[in-house]
């Protein structure tokens, strides 16, 4: 286990809510700085990171889909997060080009019910790697199954990530963390108009 839990902030994004301001609010609270002291930058591969305050030990990742913004925040291990509507209609052909041969075989076995969970794990891992979909997703195979999973192992050429799934209402969220150690996920749901409430969905 890591010494400090990875925080997963789930924020409702209704009309009039700025995703940028919500992200900055979460990061300011985690770092303990004022808004004018916080600068967010991106690498050439598109991964966001904190440029200022200098020396801030923080790793974070973002994902948003209809009505929800997910922000994963930690202090040491590289993170990735992805969120999708759990029961949305999907076209399997749209995903097949991202699948390895093993993943295509799993799709035949499990059918479409597991494809959203598979996709959020896949994107979370690629974000944790730091390249997103700029990498070939077929080179990072992840399990495809219908059940929500805790601490799935995804590895490639000696690089290991652990992936943690969370279901909240009609969303599936996956958080990937670099390294082969399990991690505790401290999930906090932020209603649109009230103060954040903490909900540990997995212990």
N, C-alpha and C. Protein backbone atom coordinates (compact mmCIF):
# COMPACT_ATOMS: atom_id res chain seq x y z
N UNK A 1 0.84 -1.20 0.00
CA UNK A 1 0.00 0.00 0.00
C UNK A 1 0.87 1.25 0.00
N UNK A 2 0.39 2.29 -0.69
CA UNK A 2 1.10 3.55 -0.66
C UNK A 2 0.81 4.25 0.65
N UNK A 3 1.69 5.16 1.06
CA UNK A 3 1.56 5.81 2.36
C UNK A 3 0.34 6.72 2.42
N UNK A 4 0.02 7.36 1.33
CA UNK A 4 -1.09 8.30 1.33
C UNK A 4 -2.09 7.90 0.25
N UNK A 5 -3.39 7.93 0.55
CA UNK A 5 -4.37 7.53 -0.46
C UNK A 5 -4.33 8.43 -1.69
N UNK A 6 -4.69 7.87 -2.81
CA UNK A 6 -4.92 8.67 -4.00
C UNK A 6 -6.33 9.25 -3.89
N UNK A 7 -6.45 10.55 -4.06
CA UNK A 7 -7.76 11.20 -3.99
C UNK A 7 -8.41 11.19 -5.37
N UNK A 8 -9.65 10.75 -5.41
CA UNK A 8 -10.45 10.82 -6.63
C UNK A 8 -11.61 11.77 -6.39
N UNK A 9 -11.56 12.92 -7.03
CA UNK A 9 -12.61 13.93 -6.90
C UNK A 9 -13.56 13.80 -8.09
N UNK A 10 -14.84 13.63 -7.80
CA UNK A 10 -15.87 13.55 -8.83
C UNK A 10 -16.76 14.77 -8.69
N UNK A 11 -16.76 15.62 -9.72
CA UNK A 11 -17.43 16.91 -9.65
C UNK A 11 -18.53 16.98 -10.69
N UNK A 12 -19.72 17.34 -10.24
CA UNK A 12 -20.83 17.55 -11.16
C UNK A 12 -20.55 18.79 -12.00
N UNK A 13 -20.75 18.71 -13.29
CA UNK A 13 -20.47 19.84 -14.18
C UNK A 13 -21.75 20.24 -14.90
N UNK A 14 -22.58 21.02 -14.21
CA UNK A 14 -23.80 21.51 -14.81
C UNK A 14 -23.58 22.83 -15.52
N UNK A 15 -24.66 23.42 -15.93
CA UNK A 15 -24.60 24.70 -16.62
C UNK A 15 -23.97 25.76 -15.74
N UNK A 16 -23.04 26.53 -16.30
CA UNK A 16 -22.42 27.63 -15.57
C UNK A 16 -21.22 27.23 -14.75
N UNK A 17 -20.85 25.95 -14.78
CA UNK A 17 -19.70 25.51 -14.00
C UNK A 17 -18.48 25.43 -14.90
N UNK A 18 -17.43 26.10 -14.52
CA UNK A 18 -16.18 26.09 -15.28
C UNK A 18 -15.33 24.90 -14.84
N UNK A 19 -15.01 24.00 -15.79
CA UNK A 19 -14.17 22.84 -15.46
C UNK A 19 -12.81 23.30 -14.95
N UNK A 20 -12.26 24.35 -15.56
CA UNK A 20 -10.95 24.84 -15.16
C UNK A 20 -10.95 25.31 -13.71
N UNK A 21 -11.99 26.05 -13.32
CA UNK A 21 -12.04 26.55 -11.94
C UNK A 21 -12.23 25.41 -10.95
N UNK A 22 -12.99 24.39 -11.33
CA UNK A 22 -13.18 23.25 -10.44
C UNK A 22 -11.87 22.49 -10.24
N UNK A 23 -11.12 22.29 -11.32
CA UNK A 23 -9.83 21.61 -11.22
C UNK A 23 -8.87 22.40 -10.35
N UNK A 24 -8.80 23.70 -10.58
CA UNK A 24 -7.89 24.54 -9.81
C UNK A 24 -8.26 24.53 -8.33
N UNK A 25 -9.55 24.49 -8.03
CA UNK A 25 -9.99 24.47 -6.63
C UNK A 25 -9.51 23.20 -5.93
N UNK A 26 -9.62 22.05 -6.61
CA UNK A 26 -9.17 20.79 -6.03
C UNK A 26 -7.66 20.82 -5.80
N UNK A 27 -6.91 21.30 -6.78
CA UNK A 27 -5.44 21.30 -6.65
C UNK A 27 -4.97 22.30 -5.60
N UNK A 28 -5.61 23.47 -5.53
CA UNK A 28 -5.23 24.45 -4.50
C UNK A 28 -5.40 23.86 -3.11
N UNK A 29 -6.52 23.16 -2.91
CA UNK A 29 -6.78 22.57 -1.60
C UNK A 29 -5.73 21.51 -1.27
N UNK A 30 -5.36 20.71 -2.26
CA UNK A 30 -4.40 19.64 -2.03
C UNK A 30 -3.00 20.19 -1.73
N UNK A 31 -2.60 21.23 -2.47
CA UNK A 31 -1.26 21.79 -2.30
C UNK A 31 -1.21 22.74 -1.11
N UNK A 32 -2.31 23.49 -0.91
CA UNK A 32 -2.34 24.51 0.13
C UNK A 32 -1.75 25.82 -0.34
N UNK A 33 -2.23 26.31 -1.50
CA UNK A 33 -1.71 27.56 -2.05
C UNK A 33 -2.87 28.43 -2.53
N UNK A 34 -2.57 29.69 -2.78
CA UNK A 34 -3.57 30.62 -3.33
C UNK A 34 -3.68 30.43 -4.84
N UNK A 35 -4.77 30.92 -5.40
CA UNK A 35 -5.00 30.71 -6.83
C UNK A 35 -3.91 31.37 -7.67
N UNK A 36 -3.43 32.55 -7.27
CA UNK A 36 -2.41 33.23 -8.07
C UNK A 36 -1.03 32.60 -7.93
N UNK A 37 -0.91 31.61 -7.05
CA UNK A 37 0.36 30.89 -6.88
C UNK A 37 0.38 29.58 -7.68
N UNK A 38 -0.75 29.26 -8.33
CA UNK A 38 -0.89 27.98 -9.03
C UNK A 38 -0.83 28.17 -10.54
N UNK A 39 0.12 27.49 -11.18
CA UNK A 39 0.23 27.50 -12.64
C UNK A 39 0.18 26.07 -13.14
N UNK A 40 -0.71 25.81 -14.10
CA UNK A 40 -0.86 24.49 -14.68
C UNK A 40 -0.31 24.50 -16.10
N UNK A 41 0.48 23.50 -16.43
CA UNK A 41 1.11 23.39 -17.74
C UNK A 41 0.83 22.01 -18.33
N UNK A 42 1.23 21.82 -19.58
CA UNK A 42 1.12 20.52 -20.23
C UNK A 42 2.46 20.14 -20.87
N UNK A 43 2.76 18.85 -20.84
CA UNK A 43 3.93 18.36 -21.55
C UNK A 43 3.63 18.36 -23.05
N UNK A 44 4.65 18.11 -23.86
CA UNK A 44 4.43 18.03 -25.31
C UNK A 44 3.50 16.88 -25.67
N UNK A 45 3.40 15.88 -24.80
CA UNK A 45 2.48 14.77 -25.03
C UNK A 45 1.08 15.05 -24.51
N UNK A 46 0.88 16.24 -23.90
CA UNK A 46 -0.45 16.63 -23.45
C UNK A 46 -0.77 16.33 -22.01
N UNK A 47 0.18 15.77 -21.25
CA UNK A 47 -0.09 15.46 -19.84
C UNK A 47 -0.03 16.74 -19.00
N UNK A 48 -1.08 17.02 -18.22
CA UNK A 48 -1.05 18.21 -17.38
C UNK A 48 -0.17 18.02 -16.15
N UNK A 49 0.45 19.11 -15.71
CA UNK A 49 1.24 19.06 -14.49
C UNK A 49 1.29 20.45 -13.85
N UNK A 50 1.69 20.49 -12.58
CA UNK A 50 1.78 21.75 -11.84
C UNK A 50 3.15 22.37 -12.10
N UNK A 51 3.17 23.55 -12.73
CA UNK A 51 4.42 24.25 -12.96
C UNK A 51 4.82 25.14 -11.81
N UNK A 52 3.83 25.62 -11.09
CA UNK A 52 4.06 26.48 -9.93
C UNK A 52 2.94 26.24 -8.94
N UNK A 53 3.19 26.12 -7.61
CA UNK A 53 4.45 26.40 -6.92
C UNK A 53 5.57 25.42 -7.30
N UNK A 54 6.77 25.96 -7.45
CA UNK A 54 7.93 25.15 -7.78
C UNK A 54 8.20 24.15 -6.66
N UNK A 55 8.42 22.92 -7.05
CA UNK A 55 8.72 21.89 -6.07
C UNK A 55 7.51 21.24 -5.44
N UNK A 56 6.30 21.59 -5.90
CA UNK A 56 5.10 20.95 -5.36
C UNK A 56 5.10 19.47 -5.72
N UNK A 57 5.04 18.60 -4.74
CA UNK A 57 5.04 17.16 -4.98
C UNK A 57 3.60 16.71 -5.19
N UNK A 58 3.18 16.74 -6.43
CA UNK A 58 1.80 16.38 -6.74
C UNK A 58 1.74 15.78 -8.13
N UNK A 59 0.97 14.73 -8.26
CA UNK A 59 0.65 14.13 -9.54
C UNK A 59 -0.87 14.18 -9.69
N UNK A 60 -1.35 14.52 -10.89
CA UNK A 60 -2.79 14.54 -11.07
C UNK A 60 -3.14 14.20 -12.52
N UNK A 61 -4.40 13.81 -12.70
CA UNK A 61 -4.91 13.48 -14.02
C UNK A 61 -6.37 13.87 -14.08
N UNK A 62 -6.86 14.16 -15.29
CA UNK A 62 -8.21 14.66 -15.48
C UNK A 62 -8.97 13.82 -16.49
N UNK A 63 -10.29 13.77 -16.32
CA UNK A 63 -11.16 13.18 -17.33
C UNK A 63 -12.53 13.82 -17.19
N UNK A 64 -13.21 14.02 -18.31
CA UNK A 64 -14.58 14.52 -18.21
C UNK A 64 -15.43 13.87 -19.29
N UNK A 65 -16.67 13.59 -18.90
CA UNK A 65 -17.68 13.12 -19.83
C UNK A 65 -18.96 13.88 -19.50
N UNK A 66 -20.05 13.55 -20.15
CA UNK A 66 -21.29 14.31 -19.96
C UNK A 66 -21.69 14.35 -18.50
N UNK A 67 -21.66 15.55 -17.90
CA UNK A 67 -22.15 15.75 -16.54
C UNK A 67 -21.16 15.46 -15.43
N UNK A 68 -19.96 14.99 -15.75
CA UNK A 68 -19.03 14.60 -14.69
C UNK A 68 -17.60 14.97 -15.05
N UNK A 69 -16.88 15.51 -14.07
CA UNK A 69 -15.44 15.75 -14.17
C UNK A 69 -14.76 14.93 -13.10
N UNK A 70 -13.74 14.14 -13.49
CA UNK A 70 -12.99 13.32 -12.55
C UNK A 70 -11.57 13.86 -12.46
N UNK A 71 -11.09 14.05 -11.23
CA UNK A 71 -9.73 14.53 -10.97
C UNK A 71 -9.08 13.59 -9.98
N UNK A 72 -8.02 12.92 -10.41
CA UNK A 72 -7.24 12.05 -9.52
C UNK A 72 -5.99 12.81 -9.07
N UNK A 73 -5.72 12.79 -7.77
CA UNK A 73 -4.61 13.57 -7.21
C UNK A 73 -3.80 12.68 -6.26
N UNK A 74 -2.48 12.72 -6.42
CA UNK A 74 -1.59 11.98 -5.54
C UNK A 74 -0.29 12.74 -5.35
N UNK A 75 0.66 12.14 -4.65
CA UNK A 75 1.88 12.85 -4.30
C UNK A 75 3.16 12.28 -4.90
N UNK A 76 3.11 11.05 -5.43
CA UNK A 76 4.38 10.49 -5.89
C UNK A 76 4.24 9.68 -7.16
N UNK A 77 3.35 8.70 -7.19
CA UNK A 77 3.25 7.81 -8.32
C UNK A 77 2.45 8.44 -9.45
N UNK A 78 2.89 8.22 -10.69
CA UNK A 78 2.21 8.77 -11.86
C UNK A 78 0.79 8.23 -11.95
N UNK A 79 -0.18 9.10 -12.24
CA UNK A 79 -1.60 8.75 -12.21
C UNK A 79 -2.24 8.93 -13.57
N UNK A 80 -3.32 8.19 -13.77
CA UNK A 80 -4.20 8.41 -14.91
C UNK A 80 -5.63 8.12 -14.49
N UNK A 81 -6.58 8.86 -15.04
CA UNK A 81 -7.99 8.64 -14.71
C UNK A 81 -8.82 8.76 -15.97
N UNK A 82 -9.88 7.97 -16.05
CA UNK A 82 -10.84 8.10 -17.15
C UNK A 82 -12.23 7.78 -16.63
N UNK A 83 -13.23 8.44 -17.20
CA UNK A 83 -14.62 8.26 -16.79
C UNK A 83 -15.52 8.21 -18.03
N UNK A 84 -16.52 7.35 -17.96
CA UNK A 84 -17.49 7.23 -19.04
C UNK A 84 -18.86 6.88 -18.45
N UNK A 85 -19.90 7.19 -19.22
CA UNK A 85 -21.24 6.74 -18.85
C UNK A 85 -21.29 5.22 -19.02
N UNK A 86 -21.74 4.52 -17.99
CA UNK A 86 -21.56 3.07 -17.92
C UNK A 86 -22.38 2.31 -18.96
N UNK A 87 -23.61 2.70 -19.17
CA UNK A 87 -24.50 1.92 -20.04
C UNK A 87 -24.79 2.61 -21.36
N UNK A 88 -23.86 3.39 -21.83
CA UNK A 88 -24.09 4.05 -23.11
C UNK A 88 -23.96 3.05 -24.26
N UNK A 89 -24.62 3.35 -25.36
CA UNK A 89 -24.55 2.48 -26.52
C UNK A 89 -23.19 2.67 -27.21
N UNK A 90 -22.57 1.57 -27.57
CA UNK A 90 -21.26 1.64 -28.18
C UNK A 90 -21.24 0.82 -29.46
N UNK A 91 -20.38 1.21 -30.36
CA UNK A 91 -20.15 0.48 -31.60
C UNK A 91 -18.84 -0.28 -31.46
N UNK A 92 -18.88 -1.61 -31.39
CA UNK A 92 -17.64 -2.36 -31.15
C UNK A 92 -16.60 -2.13 -32.23
N UNK A 93 -17.02 -1.83 -33.45
CA UNK A 93 -16.06 -1.59 -34.52
C UNK A 93 -15.21 -0.35 -34.24
N UNK A 94 -15.81 0.62 -33.53
CA UNK A 94 -15.07 1.85 -33.21
C UNK A 94 -13.92 1.57 -32.25
N UNK A 95 -14.02 0.50 -31.47
CA UNK A 95 -13.00 0.19 -30.48
C UNK A 95 -12.02 -0.88 -30.96
N UNK A 96 -12.39 -1.64 -31.99
CA UNK A 96 -11.58 -2.80 -32.36
C UNK A 96 -10.16 -2.41 -32.78
N UNK A 97 -9.99 -1.23 -33.35
CA UNK A 97 -8.65 -0.82 -33.78
C UNK A 97 -7.73 -0.51 -32.60
N UNK A 98 -8.31 -0.37 -31.39
CA UNK A 98 -7.50 -0.13 -30.19
C UNK A 98 -7.17 -1.43 -29.45
N UNK A 99 -7.66 -2.57 -29.95
CA UNK A 99 -7.58 -3.82 -29.21
C UNK A 99 -6.47 -4.72 -29.71
N UNK A 100 -5.82 -5.39 -28.76
CA UNK A 100 -4.89 -6.45 -29.10
C UNK A 100 -5.70 -7.69 -29.48
N UNK A 101 -5.01 -8.73 -29.97
CA UNK A 101 -5.71 -9.96 -30.31
C UNK A 101 -6.39 -10.57 -29.09
N UNK A 102 -5.71 -10.52 -27.94
CA UNK A 102 -6.31 -11.05 -26.71
C UNK A 102 -7.55 -10.27 -26.33
N UNK A 103 -7.52 -8.97 -26.47
CA UNK A 103 -8.69 -8.16 -26.13
C UNK A 103 -9.85 -8.43 -27.08
N UNK A 104 -9.57 -8.66 -28.35
CA UNK A 104 -10.64 -9.01 -29.28
C UNK A 104 -11.28 -10.35 -28.90
N UNK A 105 -10.45 -11.29 -28.46
CA UNK A 105 -10.98 -12.57 -28.01
C UNK A 105 -11.86 -12.39 -26.77
N UNK A 106 -11.41 -11.51 -25.86
CA UNK A 106 -12.21 -11.22 -24.66
C UNK A 106 -13.55 -10.59 -25.04
N UNK A 107 -13.55 -9.73 -26.05
CA UNK A 107 -14.79 -9.10 -26.49
C UNK A 107 -15.78 -10.15 -26.99
N UNK A 108 -15.28 -11.14 -27.72
CA UNK A 108 -16.15 -12.22 -28.17
C UNK A 108 -16.71 -13.01 -26.99
N UNK A 109 -15.92 -13.11 -25.93
CA UNK A 109 -16.34 -13.89 -24.77
C UNK A 109 -17.35 -13.13 -23.91
N UNK A 110 -17.07 -11.86 -23.64
CA UNK A 110 -17.90 -11.10 -22.69
C UNK A 110 -18.97 -10.25 -23.37
N UNK A 111 -18.79 -9.93 -24.64
CA UNK A 111 -19.77 -9.09 -25.32
C UNK A 111 -19.61 -7.62 -24.95
N UNK A 112 -20.57 -6.82 -25.37
CA UNK A 112 -20.48 -5.37 -25.21
C UNK A 112 -20.62 -4.90 -23.77
N UNK A 113 -21.15 -5.74 -22.87
CA UNK A 113 -21.38 -5.30 -21.49
C UNK A 113 -20.10 -4.86 -20.79
N UNK A 114 -18.97 -5.43 -21.19
CA UNK A 114 -17.73 -5.09 -20.51
C UNK A 114 -16.88 -4.07 -21.20
N UNK A 115 -17.36 -3.52 -22.33
CA UNK A 115 -16.46 -2.71 -23.14
C UNK A 115 -16.20 -1.33 -22.53
N UNK A 116 -17.17 -0.75 -21.83
CA UNK A 116 -16.95 0.56 -21.22
C UNK A 116 -15.93 0.45 -20.09
N UNK A 117 -16.06 -0.58 -19.25
CA UNK A 117 -15.08 -0.78 -18.19
C UNK A 117 -13.69 -1.01 -18.74
N UNK A 118 -13.60 -1.78 -19.83
CA UNK A 118 -12.31 -1.99 -20.49
C UNK A 118 -11.72 -0.68 -20.99
N UNK A 119 -12.54 0.15 -21.61
CA UNK A 119 -12.03 1.38 -22.22
C UNK A 119 -11.52 2.36 -21.17
N UNK A 120 -12.24 2.52 -20.06
CA UNK A 120 -11.77 3.48 -19.05
C UNK A 120 -10.46 3.00 -18.42
N UNK A 121 -10.30 1.68 -18.25
CA UNK A 121 -9.02 1.16 -17.75
C UNK A 121 -7.90 1.45 -18.74
N UNK A 122 -8.19 1.22 -20.00
CA UNK A 122 -7.19 1.44 -21.05
C UNK A 122 -6.74 2.90 -21.08
N UNK A 123 -7.69 3.82 -21.09
CA UNK A 123 -7.32 5.25 -21.14
C UNK A 123 -6.61 5.69 -19.87
N UNK A 124 -7.06 5.18 -18.72
CA UNK A 124 -6.41 5.55 -17.46
C UNK A 124 -4.94 5.13 -17.47
N UNK A 125 -4.66 3.92 -17.96
CA UNK A 125 -3.28 3.45 -18.02
C UNK A 125 -2.45 4.29 -18.97
N UNK A 126 -2.98 4.59 -20.15
CA UNK A 126 -2.24 5.39 -21.12
C UNK A 126 -1.96 6.79 -20.60
N UNK A 127 -2.89 7.35 -19.83
CA UNK A 127 -2.64 8.66 -19.22
C UNK A 127 -1.56 8.56 -18.15
N UNK A 128 -1.58 7.48 -17.38
CA UNK A 128 -0.54 7.30 -16.35
C UNK A 128 0.83 7.12 -16.99
N UNK A 129 0.88 6.46 -18.14
CA UNK A 129 2.14 6.34 -18.87
C UNK A 129 2.64 7.72 -19.28
N UNK A 130 1.69 8.62 -19.55
CA UNK A 130 2.05 10.00 -19.87
C UNK A 130 1.92 10.36 -21.33
N UNK A 131 1.33 9.45 -22.12
CA UNK A 131 1.25 9.70 -23.56
C UNK A 131 -0.18 9.71 -24.08
N UNK A 132 -1.14 9.20 -23.30
CA UNK A 132 -2.51 9.15 -23.76
C UNK A 132 -2.63 8.33 -25.04
N UNK A 133 -3.52 8.73 -25.91
CA UNK A 133 -3.74 7.98 -27.14
C UNK A 133 -2.68 8.25 -28.20
N UNK A 134 -1.65 9.01 -27.84
CA UNK A 134 -0.51 9.13 -28.76
C UNK A 134 0.26 7.82 -28.86
N UNK A 135 0.14 6.98 -27.83
CA UNK A 135 0.74 5.65 -27.88
C UNK A 135 -0.22 4.71 -28.61
N UNK A 136 0.29 3.58 -29.05
CA UNK A 136 -0.55 2.57 -29.68
C UNK A 136 -1.26 1.79 -28.57
N UNK A 137 -2.60 1.97 -28.42
CA UNK A 137 -3.31 1.31 -27.32
C UNK A 137 -3.21 -0.20 -27.37
N UNK A 138 -2.95 -0.78 -28.52
CA UNK A 138 -2.84 -2.24 -28.62
C UNK A 138 -1.65 -2.78 -27.84
N UNK A 139 -0.66 -1.92 -27.58
CA UNK A 139 0.53 -2.34 -26.86
C UNK A 139 0.33 -2.35 -25.35
N UNK A 140 -0.83 -1.90 -24.90
CA UNK A 140 -1.13 -1.88 -23.47
C UNK A 140 -2.44 -2.62 -23.22
N UNK A 141 -2.46 -3.94 -23.38
CA UNK A 141 -3.70 -4.70 -23.19
C UNK A 141 -4.17 -4.68 -21.74
N UNK A 142 -5.48 -4.54 -21.57
CA UNK A 142 -6.07 -4.55 -20.23
C UNK A 142 -7.21 -5.56 -20.21
N UNK A 143 -7.55 -6.09 -19.04
CA UNK A 143 -8.62 -7.09 -18.97
C UNK A 143 -9.96 -6.51 -19.41
N UNK A 144 -10.75 -7.31 -20.10
CA UNK A 144 -12.09 -6.93 -20.49
C UNK A 144 -13.06 -7.90 -19.85
N UNK A 145 -13.86 -7.39 -18.92
CA UNK A 145 -14.84 -8.21 -18.23
C UNK A 145 -16.02 -7.35 -17.82
N UNK A 146 -17.09 -7.99 -17.37
CA UNK A 146 -18.31 -7.25 -17.04
C UNK A 146 -18.28 -6.69 -15.63
N UNK A 147 -17.48 -7.27 -14.74
CA UNK A 147 -17.50 -6.86 -13.34
C UNK A 147 -16.56 -5.70 -13.09
N UNK A 148 -16.91 -4.83 -12.12
CA UNK A 148 -16.00 -3.81 -11.65
C UNK A 148 -14.85 -4.51 -10.95
N UNK A 149 -13.65 -4.00 -11.13
CA UNK A 149 -12.47 -4.68 -10.62
C UNK A 149 -11.65 -3.76 -9.73
N UNK A 150 -11.08 -4.33 -8.68
CA UNK A 150 -10.13 -3.60 -7.85
C UNK A 150 -8.73 -4.12 -8.14
N UNK A 151 -7.83 -3.19 -8.31
CA UNK A 151 -6.41 -3.50 -8.42
C UNK A 151 -6.10 -4.51 -9.53
N UNK A 152 -6.55 -4.19 -10.73
CA UNK A 152 -6.15 -4.93 -11.91
C UNK A 152 -4.70 -4.60 -12.24
N UNK A 153 -3.93 -5.60 -12.63
CA UNK A 153 -2.54 -5.38 -13.02
C UNK A 153 -2.44 -5.28 -14.53
N UNK A 154 -1.80 -4.23 -15.01
CA UNK A 154 -1.54 -4.04 -16.43
C UNK A 154 -0.04 -3.86 -16.60
N UNK A 155 0.58 -4.68 -17.41
CA UNK A 155 2.03 -4.60 -17.55
C UNK A 155 2.45 -4.71 -19.00
N UNK A 156 3.58 -4.08 -19.32
CA UNK A 156 4.18 -4.15 -20.65
C UNK A 156 5.68 -3.93 -20.51
N UNK A 157 6.46 -4.87 -20.99
CA UNK A 157 7.93 -4.79 -20.97
C UNK A 157 8.46 -4.32 -19.62
N UNK A 158 7.93 -4.91 -18.55
CA UNK A 158 8.42 -4.61 -17.23
C UNK A 158 7.83 -3.39 -16.57
N UNK A 159 7.01 -2.62 -17.28
CA UNK A 159 6.36 -1.45 -16.69
C UNK A 159 4.97 -1.88 -16.21
N UNK A 160 4.73 -1.72 -14.91
CA UNK A 160 3.50 -2.22 -14.30
C UNK A 160 2.64 -1.07 -13.79
N UNK A 161 1.34 -1.18 -14.00
CA UNK A 161 0.38 -0.24 -13.43
C UNK A 161 -0.72 -1.03 -12.71
N UNK A 162 -1.21 -0.45 -11.64
CA UNK A 162 -2.37 -1.01 -10.95
C UNK A 162 -3.56 -0.12 -11.25
N UNK A 163 -4.71 -0.75 -11.50
CA UNK A 163 -5.90 -0.01 -11.91
C UNK A 163 -7.04 -0.32 -10.95
N UNK A 164 -7.73 0.73 -10.53
CA UNK A 164 -8.81 0.64 -9.56
C UNK A 164 -10.08 1.19 -10.20
N UNK A 165 -11.17 0.40 -10.19
CA UNK A 165 -12.45 0.84 -10.76
C UNK A 165 -13.39 1.35 -9.68
N UNK A 166 -14.21 2.33 -10.05
CA UNK A 166 -15.24 2.87 -9.17
C UNK A 166 -16.51 3.08 -9.99
N UNK A 167 -17.65 2.63 -9.47
CA UNK A 167 -18.94 2.93 -10.08
C UNK A 167 -19.66 3.95 -9.21
N UNK A 168 -20.08 5.04 -9.81
CA UNK A 168 -20.86 6.07 -9.12
C UNK A 168 -22.05 6.39 -9.99
N UNK A 169 -23.24 6.08 -9.48
CA UNK A 169 -24.47 6.25 -10.25
C UNK A 169 -24.31 5.54 -11.60
N UNK A 170 -24.45 6.26 -12.70
CA UNK A 170 -24.36 5.62 -14.01
C UNK A 170 -23.02 5.86 -14.69
N UNK A 171 -21.98 6.09 -13.88
CA UNK A 171 -20.64 6.30 -14.41
C UNK A 171 -19.70 5.17 -13.96
N UNK A 172 -18.76 4.83 -14.82
CA UNK A 172 -17.63 3.97 -14.45
C UNK A 172 -16.37 4.81 -14.55
N UNK A 173 -15.59 4.82 -13.47
CA UNK A 173 -14.35 5.58 -13.40
C UNK A 173 -13.21 4.61 -13.09
N UNK A 174 -12.10 4.76 -13.78
CA UNK A 174 -10.91 3.95 -13.51
C UNK A 174 -9.74 4.87 -13.20
N UNK A 175 -8.98 4.50 -12.18
CA UNK A 175 -7.76 5.22 -11.82
C UNK A 175 -6.59 4.25 -11.94
N UNK A 176 -5.57 4.64 -12.70
CA UNK A 176 -4.36 3.83 -12.85
C UNK A 176 -3.21 4.51 -12.11
N UNK A 177 -2.40 3.70 -11.46
CA UNK A 177 -1.28 4.21 -10.67
C UNK A 177 -0.03 3.41 -11.04
N UNK A 178 1.05 4.11 -11.38
CA UNK A 178 2.29 3.44 -11.78
C UNK A 178 2.86 2.62 -10.62
N UNK A 179 3.41 1.47 -10.94
CA UNK A 179 4.01 0.62 -9.93
C UNK A 179 3.16 -0.60 -9.64
N UNK A 180 3.75 -1.58 -8.96
CA UNK A 180 3.06 -2.84 -8.73
C UNK A 180 2.42 -2.94 -7.35
N UNK A 181 2.44 -1.84 -6.58
CA UNK A 181 1.80 -1.85 -5.26
C UNK A 181 0.34 -1.44 -5.37
N UNK A 182 -0.51 -2.08 -4.55
CA UNK A 182 -1.90 -1.64 -4.47
C UNK A 182 -1.96 -0.23 -3.87
N UNK A 183 -3.08 0.45 -4.09
CA UNK A 183 -3.24 1.77 -3.51
C UNK A 183 -4.67 1.94 -3.03
N UNK A 184 -4.84 2.75 -2.00
CA UNK A 184 -6.16 3.06 -1.47
C UNK A 184 -6.71 4.27 -2.19
N UNK A 185 -7.98 4.21 -2.57
CA UNK A 185 -8.62 5.30 -3.30
C UNK A 185 -9.62 6.00 -2.40
N UNK A 186 -9.35 7.26 -2.13
CA UNK A 186 -10.22 8.11 -1.31
C UNK A 186 -11.11 8.92 -2.24
N UNK A 187 -12.36 8.45 -2.41
CA UNK A 187 -13.27 9.05 -3.40
C UNK A 187 -14.13 10.12 -2.75
N UNK A 188 -14.15 11.29 -3.37
CA UNK A 188 -14.92 12.43 -2.85
C UNK A 188 -15.86 12.93 -3.92
N UNK A 189 -17.15 12.90 -3.61
CA UNK A 189 -18.16 13.36 -4.56
C UNK A 189 -18.53 14.79 -4.22
N UNK A 190 -18.42 15.66 -5.20
CA UNK A 190 -18.72 17.08 -5.02
C UNK A 190 -20.06 17.41 -5.68
N UNK A 191 -21.11 17.59 -4.87
CA UNK A 191 -22.36 18.03 -5.47
C UNK A 191 -22.20 19.40 -6.13
N UNK A 192 -23.09 19.71 -7.05
CA UNK A 192 -22.93 20.94 -7.84
C UNK A 192 -23.05 22.20 -7.01
N UNK A 193 -23.85 22.18 -5.94
CA UNK A 193 -24.12 23.44 -5.24
C UNK A 193 -23.79 23.39 -3.76
N UNK A 194 -23.16 22.31 -3.28
CA UNK A 194 -22.85 22.23 -1.86
C UNK A 194 -21.37 21.92 -1.67
N UNK A 195 -20.93 21.92 -0.42
CA UNK A 195 -19.54 21.61 -0.13
C UNK A 195 -19.27 20.14 -0.43
N UNK A 196 -18.00 19.78 -0.73
CA UNK A 196 -17.68 18.38 -1.03
C UNK A 196 -18.01 17.47 0.13
N UNK A 197 -18.47 16.27 -0.19
CA UNK A 197 -18.65 15.26 0.83
C UNK A 197 -17.75 14.08 0.51
N UNK A 198 -17.16 13.47 1.53
CA UNK A 198 -16.22 12.38 1.32
C UNK A 198 -16.97 11.06 1.36
N UNK A 199 -16.71 10.21 0.40
CA UNK A 199 -17.33 8.90 0.34
C UNK A 199 -16.28 7.89 -0.06
N UNK A 200 -15.86 7.05 0.86
CA UNK A 200 -14.89 6.00 0.56
C UNK A 200 -15.65 4.80 0.01
N UNK A 201 -15.69 4.67 -1.31
CA UNK A 201 -16.45 3.59 -1.92
C UNK A 201 -15.74 2.26 -1.80
N UNK A 202 -14.39 2.27 -1.65
CA UNK A 202 -13.63 1.04 -1.55
C UNK A 202 -12.64 1.16 -0.40
N UNK A 203 -12.58 0.14 0.42
CA UNK A 203 -11.65 0.16 1.54
C UNK A 203 -10.78 -1.08 1.46
